[in-house]
């Protein structure tokens, strides 16, 4: 039986949105300018802030992020534990944390596929 994966890598992945991250006014303004409860705006935010970093990871690390999110979505997790201790620059509360993670998973899957074709 496969062991339950840790969510800790996801904390690192989402650290770009955390107020404990080094101050960067341009990034902070971008984050607060987006309504994270609107799929298109959330995806755009992921594209701008997470895509470059995600593509810099080796494929095995990219797969691990995808596997962790997939595991917890399939398990019916609410992701409350992931977000409860995270202070972010988001201007709104995340209305549906599972949906947030579903959007993230879709974006990461797209980046992963895209990265496999970069020469």
N, C-alpha and C. Protein backbone atom coordinates (compact mmCIF):
# COMPACT_ATOMS: atom_id res chain seq x y z
N UNK A 1 0.84 -1.19 0.00
CA UNK A 1 0.00 0.00 0.00
C UNK A 1 0.89 1.25 0.00
N UNK A 2 0.51 2.18 -0.80
CA UNK A 2 1.28 3.41 -0.94
C UNK A 2 1.06 4.32 0.28
N UNK A 3 2.15 4.90 0.76
CA UNK A 3 2.09 5.80 1.91
C UNK A 3 1.48 7.14 1.50
N UNK A 4 0.72 7.73 2.41
CA UNK A 4 0.12 9.04 2.18
C UNK A 4 1.23 10.08 2.01
N UNK A 5 1.21 10.83 0.89
CA UNK A 5 2.28 11.82 0.69
C UNK A 5 2.10 13.04 1.60
N UNK A 6 3.19 13.69 1.89
CA UNK A 6 3.17 14.90 2.69
C UNK A 6 2.71 16.08 1.82
N UNK A 7 2.01 17.01 2.44
CA UNK A 7 1.61 18.23 1.74
C UNK A 7 2.70 19.30 1.80
N UNK A 8 3.75 19.06 2.54
CA UNK A 8 4.80 20.07 2.72
C UNK A 8 5.38 20.61 1.41
N UNK A 9 5.59 19.78 0.39
CA UNK A 9 6.09 20.35 -0.87
C UNK A 9 5.14 21.41 -1.45
N UNK A 10 3.86 21.27 -1.19
CA UNK A 10 2.89 22.24 -1.71
C UNK A 10 3.04 23.59 -1.02
N UNK A 11 3.43 23.57 0.25
CA UNK A 11 3.69 24.82 0.96
C UNK A 11 4.81 25.57 0.25
N UNK A 12 5.85 24.84 -0.13
CA UNK A 12 6.96 25.45 -0.86
C UNK A 12 6.54 25.97 -2.22
N UNK A 13 5.73 25.20 -2.93
CA UNK A 13 5.27 25.62 -4.25
C UNK A 13 4.45 26.90 -4.17
N UNK A 14 3.59 27.00 -3.16
CA UNK A 14 2.71 28.16 -3.01
C UNK A 14 3.36 29.31 -2.24
N UNK A 15 4.62 29.15 -1.86
CA UNK A 15 5.31 30.17 -1.07
C UNK A 15 5.38 31.52 -1.80
N UNK A 16 5.33 31.51 -3.10
CA UNK A 16 5.37 32.76 -3.88
C UNK A 16 4.23 33.69 -3.49
N UNK A 17 3.13 33.15 -2.96
CA UNK A 17 1.97 33.94 -2.56
C UNK A 17 1.99 34.31 -1.09
N UNK A 18 2.95 33.80 -0.35
CA UNK A 18 3.03 33.97 1.09
C UNK A 18 3.65 35.33 1.46
N UNK A 19 3.06 35.99 2.47
CA UNK A 19 3.60 37.29 2.88
C UNK A 19 4.97 37.16 3.54
N UNK A 20 5.37 35.94 3.91
CA UNK A 20 6.69 35.73 4.48
C UNK A 20 7.77 35.67 3.40
N UNK A 21 7.34 35.60 2.15
CA UNK A 21 8.28 35.61 1.04
C UNK A 21 8.92 37.00 0.96
N UNK A 22 10.13 37.07 0.46
CA UNK A 22 10.83 38.36 0.37
C UNK A 22 9.95 39.40 -0.32
N UNK A 23 10.00 40.62 0.17
CA UNK A 23 9.18 41.70 -0.38
C UNK A 23 9.51 41.95 -1.84
N UNK A 24 8.47 42.00 -2.62
CA UNK A 24 8.58 42.33 -4.03
C UNK A 24 7.28 43.04 -4.38
N UNK A 25 7.32 44.36 -4.41
CA UNK A 25 6.10 45.14 -4.60
C UNK A 25 5.39 44.82 -5.90
N UNK A 26 6.14 44.58 -6.96
CA UNK A 26 5.52 44.26 -8.25
C UNK A 26 4.71 42.96 -8.15
N UNK A 27 5.32 41.93 -7.52
CA UNK A 27 4.63 40.66 -7.34
C UNK A 27 3.41 40.83 -6.43
N UNK A 28 3.56 41.56 -5.34
CA UNK A 28 2.46 41.78 -4.41
C UNK A 28 1.29 42.49 -5.10
N UNK A 29 1.59 43.51 -5.90
CA UNK A 29 0.53 44.23 -6.62
C UNK A 29 -0.17 43.33 -7.61
N UNK A 30 0.59 42.47 -8.29
CA UNK A 30 0.00 41.53 -9.23
C UNK A 30 -0.95 40.59 -8.50
N UNK A 31 -0.53 40.06 -7.38
CA UNK A 31 -1.36 39.11 -6.62
C UNK A 31 -2.66 39.77 -6.17
N UNK A 32 -2.58 40.96 -5.59
CA UNK A 32 -3.81 41.59 -5.10
C UNK A 32 -4.68 42.10 -6.23
N UNK A 33 -4.14 42.23 -7.43
CA UNK A 33 -4.95 42.71 -8.56
C UNK A 33 -5.85 41.62 -9.13
N UNK A 34 -5.62 40.37 -8.75
CA UNK A 34 -6.38 39.24 -9.29
C UNK A 34 -7.42 38.77 -8.28
N UNK A 35 -8.59 38.42 -8.80
CA UNK A 35 -9.62 37.80 -7.99
C UNK A 35 -9.38 36.29 -8.07
N UNK A 36 -8.84 35.72 -7.02
CA UNK A 36 -8.45 34.32 -7.04
C UNK A 36 -9.63 33.36 -7.06
N UNK A 37 -10.83 33.89 -6.94
CA UNK A 37 -12.03 33.06 -7.01
C UNK A 37 -12.63 33.06 -8.41
N UNK A 38 -11.94 33.66 -9.36
CA UNK A 38 -12.32 33.64 -10.77
C UNK A 38 -11.27 32.79 -11.48
N UNK A 39 -11.71 31.69 -12.07
CA UNK A 39 -10.78 30.71 -12.64
C UNK A 39 -9.76 31.32 -13.59
N UNK A 40 -10.19 32.17 -14.50
CA UNK A 40 -9.29 32.75 -15.49
C UNK A 40 -8.22 33.62 -14.83
N UNK A 41 -8.60 34.38 -13.82
CA UNK A 41 -7.63 35.24 -13.13
C UNK A 41 -6.65 34.41 -12.30
N UNK A 42 -7.16 33.36 -11.67
CA UNK A 42 -6.29 32.47 -10.90
C UNK A 42 -5.30 31.77 -11.82
N UNK A 43 -5.78 31.27 -12.94
CA UNK A 43 -4.89 30.60 -13.90
C UNK A 43 -3.82 31.56 -14.42
N UNK A 44 -4.23 32.79 -14.69
CA UNK A 44 -3.27 33.79 -15.16
C UNK A 44 -2.20 34.05 -14.10
N UNK A 45 -2.62 34.12 -12.86
CA UNK A 45 -1.67 34.32 -11.76
C UNK A 45 -0.68 33.15 -11.68
N UNK A 46 -1.19 31.94 -11.79
CA UNK A 46 -0.32 30.76 -11.79
C UNK A 46 0.64 30.82 -12.98
N UNK A 47 0.12 31.19 -14.15
CA UNK A 47 0.96 31.25 -15.35
C UNK A 47 2.13 32.21 -15.16
N UNK A 48 1.85 33.34 -14.56
CA UNK A 48 2.88 34.37 -14.40
C UNK A 48 3.87 34.03 -13.29
N UNK A 49 3.35 33.57 -12.15
CA UNK A 49 4.21 33.40 -10.98
C UNK A 49 4.72 31.98 -10.75
N UNK A 50 3.96 30.97 -11.11
CA UNK A 50 4.39 29.60 -10.82
C UNK A 50 5.02 28.90 -12.02
N UNK A 51 4.54 29.18 -13.20
CA UNK A 51 5.01 28.47 -14.40
C UNK A 51 6.54 28.50 -14.54
N UNK A 52 7.19 29.67 -14.50
CA UNK A 52 8.65 29.68 -14.71
C UNK A 52 9.40 28.83 -13.68
N UNK A 53 9.00 28.93 -12.43
CA UNK A 53 9.68 28.15 -11.39
C UNK A 53 9.41 26.66 -11.57
N UNK A 54 8.16 26.32 -11.82
CA UNK A 54 7.78 24.92 -12.00
C UNK A 54 8.58 24.29 -13.15
N UNK A 55 8.72 25.02 -14.25
CA UNK A 55 9.45 24.49 -15.40
C UNK A 55 10.95 24.37 -15.14
N UNK A 56 11.45 25.05 -14.11
CA UNK A 56 12.87 24.94 -13.77
C UNK A 56 13.16 23.67 -12.96
N UNK A 57 12.12 23.02 -12.44
CA UNK A 57 12.30 21.79 -11.66
C UNK A 57 12.51 20.61 -12.61
N UNK A 58 13.23 19.60 -12.15
CA UNK A 58 13.36 18.39 -12.97
C UNK A 58 11.99 17.71 -13.12
N UNK A 59 11.79 16.96 -14.20
CA UNK A 59 10.50 16.29 -14.42
C UNK A 59 10.03 15.45 -13.22
N UNK A 60 10.95 14.81 -12.52
CA UNK A 60 10.55 13.99 -11.37
C UNK A 60 9.92 14.84 -10.27
N UNK A 61 10.43 16.05 -10.04
CA UNK A 61 9.85 16.95 -9.04
C UNK A 61 8.50 17.47 -9.52
N UNK A 62 8.41 17.78 -10.80
CA UNK A 62 7.13 18.24 -11.36
C UNK A 62 6.07 17.16 -11.17
N UNK A 63 6.45 15.92 -11.47
CA UNK A 63 5.51 14.80 -11.31
C UNK A 63 5.08 14.65 -9.86
N UNK A 64 6.00 14.87 -8.94
CA UNK A 64 5.68 14.73 -7.51
C UNK A 64 4.60 15.72 -7.08
N UNK A 65 4.72 16.99 -7.51
CA UNK A 65 3.69 17.98 -7.20
C UNK A 65 2.33 17.54 -7.75
N UNK A 66 2.33 17.10 -8.97
CA UNK A 66 1.09 16.66 -9.61
C UNK A 66 0.50 15.46 -8.87
N UNK A 67 1.34 14.52 -8.50
CA UNK A 67 0.88 13.33 -7.78
C UNK A 67 0.30 13.68 -6.41
N UNK A 68 0.95 14.60 -5.70
CA UNK A 68 0.48 14.98 -4.36
C UNK A 68 -0.90 15.63 -4.46
N UNK A 69 -1.05 16.59 -5.34
CA UNK A 69 -2.35 17.26 -5.48
C UNK A 69 -3.41 16.26 -5.92
N UNK A 70 -3.09 15.41 -6.89
CA UNK A 70 -4.04 14.39 -7.36
C UNK A 70 -4.46 13.46 -6.23
N UNK A 71 -3.51 13.04 -5.43
CA UNK A 71 -3.80 12.14 -4.31
C UNK A 71 -4.84 12.77 -3.37
N UNK A 72 -4.58 14.01 -2.96
CA UNK A 72 -5.47 14.65 -1.99
C UNK A 72 -6.83 15.02 -2.59
N UNK A 73 -6.86 15.33 -3.86
CA UNK A 73 -8.15 15.57 -4.51
C UNK A 73 -8.97 14.28 -4.56
N UNK A 74 -8.32 13.19 -4.93
CA UNK A 74 -9.02 11.90 -5.00
C UNK A 74 -9.48 11.45 -3.61
N UNK A 75 -8.71 11.81 -2.58
CA UNK A 75 -9.05 11.43 -1.21
C UNK A 75 -10.17 12.30 -0.63
N UNK A 76 -10.56 13.35 -1.37
CA UNK A 76 -11.63 14.24 -0.90
C UNK A 76 -11.18 15.29 0.10
N UNK A 77 -9.88 15.53 0.17
CA UNK A 77 -9.34 16.50 1.12
C UNK A 77 -9.85 17.91 0.82
N UNK A 78 -10.03 18.70 1.85
CA UNK A 78 -10.49 20.08 1.70
C UNK A 78 -9.34 21.07 1.53
N UNK A 79 -8.12 20.64 1.82
CA UNK A 79 -6.91 21.45 1.77
C UNK A 79 -6.91 22.54 2.84
N UNK A 80 -7.79 22.42 3.83
CA UNK A 80 -7.81 23.39 4.93
C UNK A 80 -6.48 23.42 5.67
N UNK A 81 -5.90 22.24 5.91
CA UNK A 81 -4.62 22.17 6.64
C UNK A 81 -3.51 22.90 5.87
N UNK A 82 -3.57 22.85 4.56
CA UNK A 82 -2.55 23.51 3.75
C UNK A 82 -2.64 25.02 3.87
N UNK A 83 -3.84 25.54 3.87
CA UNK A 83 -4.03 26.98 3.83
C UNK A 83 -4.20 27.65 5.19
N UNK A 84 -4.52 26.89 6.23
CA UNK A 84 -4.86 27.52 7.51
C UNK A 84 -3.72 28.31 8.13
N UNK A 85 -2.50 27.88 7.93
CA UNK A 85 -1.36 28.59 8.52
C UNK A 85 -0.62 29.46 7.52
N UNK A 86 -1.20 29.62 6.33
CA UNK A 86 -0.55 30.38 5.28
C UNK A 86 -1.16 31.78 5.18
N UNK A 87 -0.34 32.79 5.40
CA UNK A 87 -0.77 34.17 5.22
C UNK A 87 -0.35 34.60 3.82
N UNK A 88 -1.32 34.98 3.02
CA UNK A 88 -1.03 35.29 1.62
C UNK A 88 -1.34 36.74 1.30
N UNK A 89 -0.91 37.15 0.12
CA UNK A 89 -1.22 38.48 -0.39
C UNK A 89 -2.59 38.53 -1.05
N UNK A 90 -3.29 37.41 -1.10
CA UNK A 90 -4.60 37.40 -1.75
C UNK A 90 -5.51 38.43 -1.11
N UNK A 91 -6.22 39.17 -1.95
CA UNK A 91 -7.13 40.20 -1.47
C UNK A 91 -8.46 39.61 -0.98
N UNK A 92 -8.74 38.38 -1.40
CA UNK A 92 -9.98 37.71 -1.00
C UNK A 92 -9.63 36.39 -0.31
N UNK A 93 -10.59 35.90 0.43
CA UNK A 93 -10.45 34.54 0.97
C UNK A 93 -10.71 33.57 -0.18
N UNK A 94 -10.07 32.42 -0.13
CA UNK A 94 -10.33 31.39 -1.14
C UNK A 94 -11.68 30.76 -0.79
N UNK A 95 -12.66 30.93 -1.67
CA UNK A 95 -14.01 30.42 -1.38
C UNK A 95 -14.08 28.90 -1.41
N UNK A 96 -13.33 28.28 -2.31
CA UNK A 96 -13.37 26.83 -2.45
C UNK A 96 -11.93 26.35 -2.65
N UNK A 97 -11.34 25.89 -1.59
CA UNK A 97 -9.92 25.50 -1.62
C UNK A 97 -9.68 24.30 -2.52
N UNK A 98 -10.62 23.37 -2.55
CA UNK A 98 -10.49 22.22 -3.46
C UNK A 98 -10.47 22.70 -4.91
N UNK A 99 -11.35 23.62 -5.23
CA UNK A 99 -11.40 24.13 -6.61
C UNK A 99 -10.10 24.87 -6.95
N UNK A 100 -9.59 25.64 -6.01
CA UNK A 100 -8.30 26.32 -6.17
C UNK A 100 -7.24 25.29 -6.56
N UNK A 101 -7.21 24.17 -5.84
CA UNK A 101 -6.21 23.14 -6.10
C UNK A 101 -6.49 22.41 -7.41
N UNK A 102 -7.75 22.28 -7.80
CA UNK A 102 -8.08 21.68 -9.10
C UNK A 102 -7.55 22.56 -10.23
N UNK A 103 -7.70 23.87 -10.09
CA UNK A 103 -7.17 24.80 -11.09
C UNK A 103 -5.64 24.71 -11.12
N UNK A 104 -5.03 24.66 -9.94
CA UNK A 104 -3.58 24.53 -9.86
C UNK A 104 -3.12 23.24 -10.53
N UNK A 105 -3.80 22.15 -10.26
CA UNK A 105 -3.43 20.87 -10.86
C UNK A 105 -3.53 20.94 -12.38
N UNK A 106 -4.59 21.54 -12.89
CA UNK A 106 -4.74 21.68 -14.34
C UNK A 106 -3.60 22.48 -14.94
N UNK A 107 -3.23 23.56 -14.28
CA UNK A 107 -2.12 24.39 -14.76
C UNK A 107 -0.81 23.62 -14.71
N UNK A 108 -0.55 22.94 -13.61
CA UNK A 108 0.70 22.18 -13.48
C UNK A 108 0.78 21.09 -14.53
N UNK A 109 -0.34 20.43 -14.79
CA UNK A 109 -0.37 19.40 -15.83
C UNK A 109 -0.04 19.98 -17.20
N UNK A 110 -0.58 21.16 -17.46
CA UNK A 110 -0.30 21.84 -18.73
C UNK A 110 1.18 22.22 -18.81
N UNK A 111 1.73 22.78 -17.74
CA UNK A 111 3.15 23.16 -17.72
C UNK A 111 4.04 21.94 -17.92
N UNK A 112 3.68 20.84 -17.25
CA UNK A 112 4.46 19.61 -17.34
C UNK A 112 4.50 19.13 -18.79
N UNK A 113 3.34 19.10 -19.43
CA UNK A 113 3.27 18.68 -20.83
C UNK A 113 4.08 19.62 -21.72
N UNK A 114 3.95 20.89 -21.46
CA UNK A 114 4.67 21.91 -22.22
C UNK A 114 6.17 21.75 -22.04
N UNK A 115 6.61 21.52 -20.82
CA UNK A 115 8.03 21.41 -20.51
C UNK A 115 8.68 20.21 -21.15
N UNK A 116 7.92 19.18 -21.43
CA UNK A 116 8.47 17.99 -22.04
C UNK A 116 8.86 18.24 -23.48
N UNK A 117 8.35 19.33 -24.07
CA UNK A 117 8.64 19.61 -25.48
C UNK A 117 9.60 20.77 -25.65
N UNK A 118 10.09 21.33 -24.54
CA UNK A 118 11.07 22.42 -24.62
C UNK A 118 12.44 21.80 -24.88
N UNK A 119 13.11 22.32 -25.85
CA UNK A 119 14.44 21.78 -26.20
C UNK A 119 15.51 22.73 -25.71
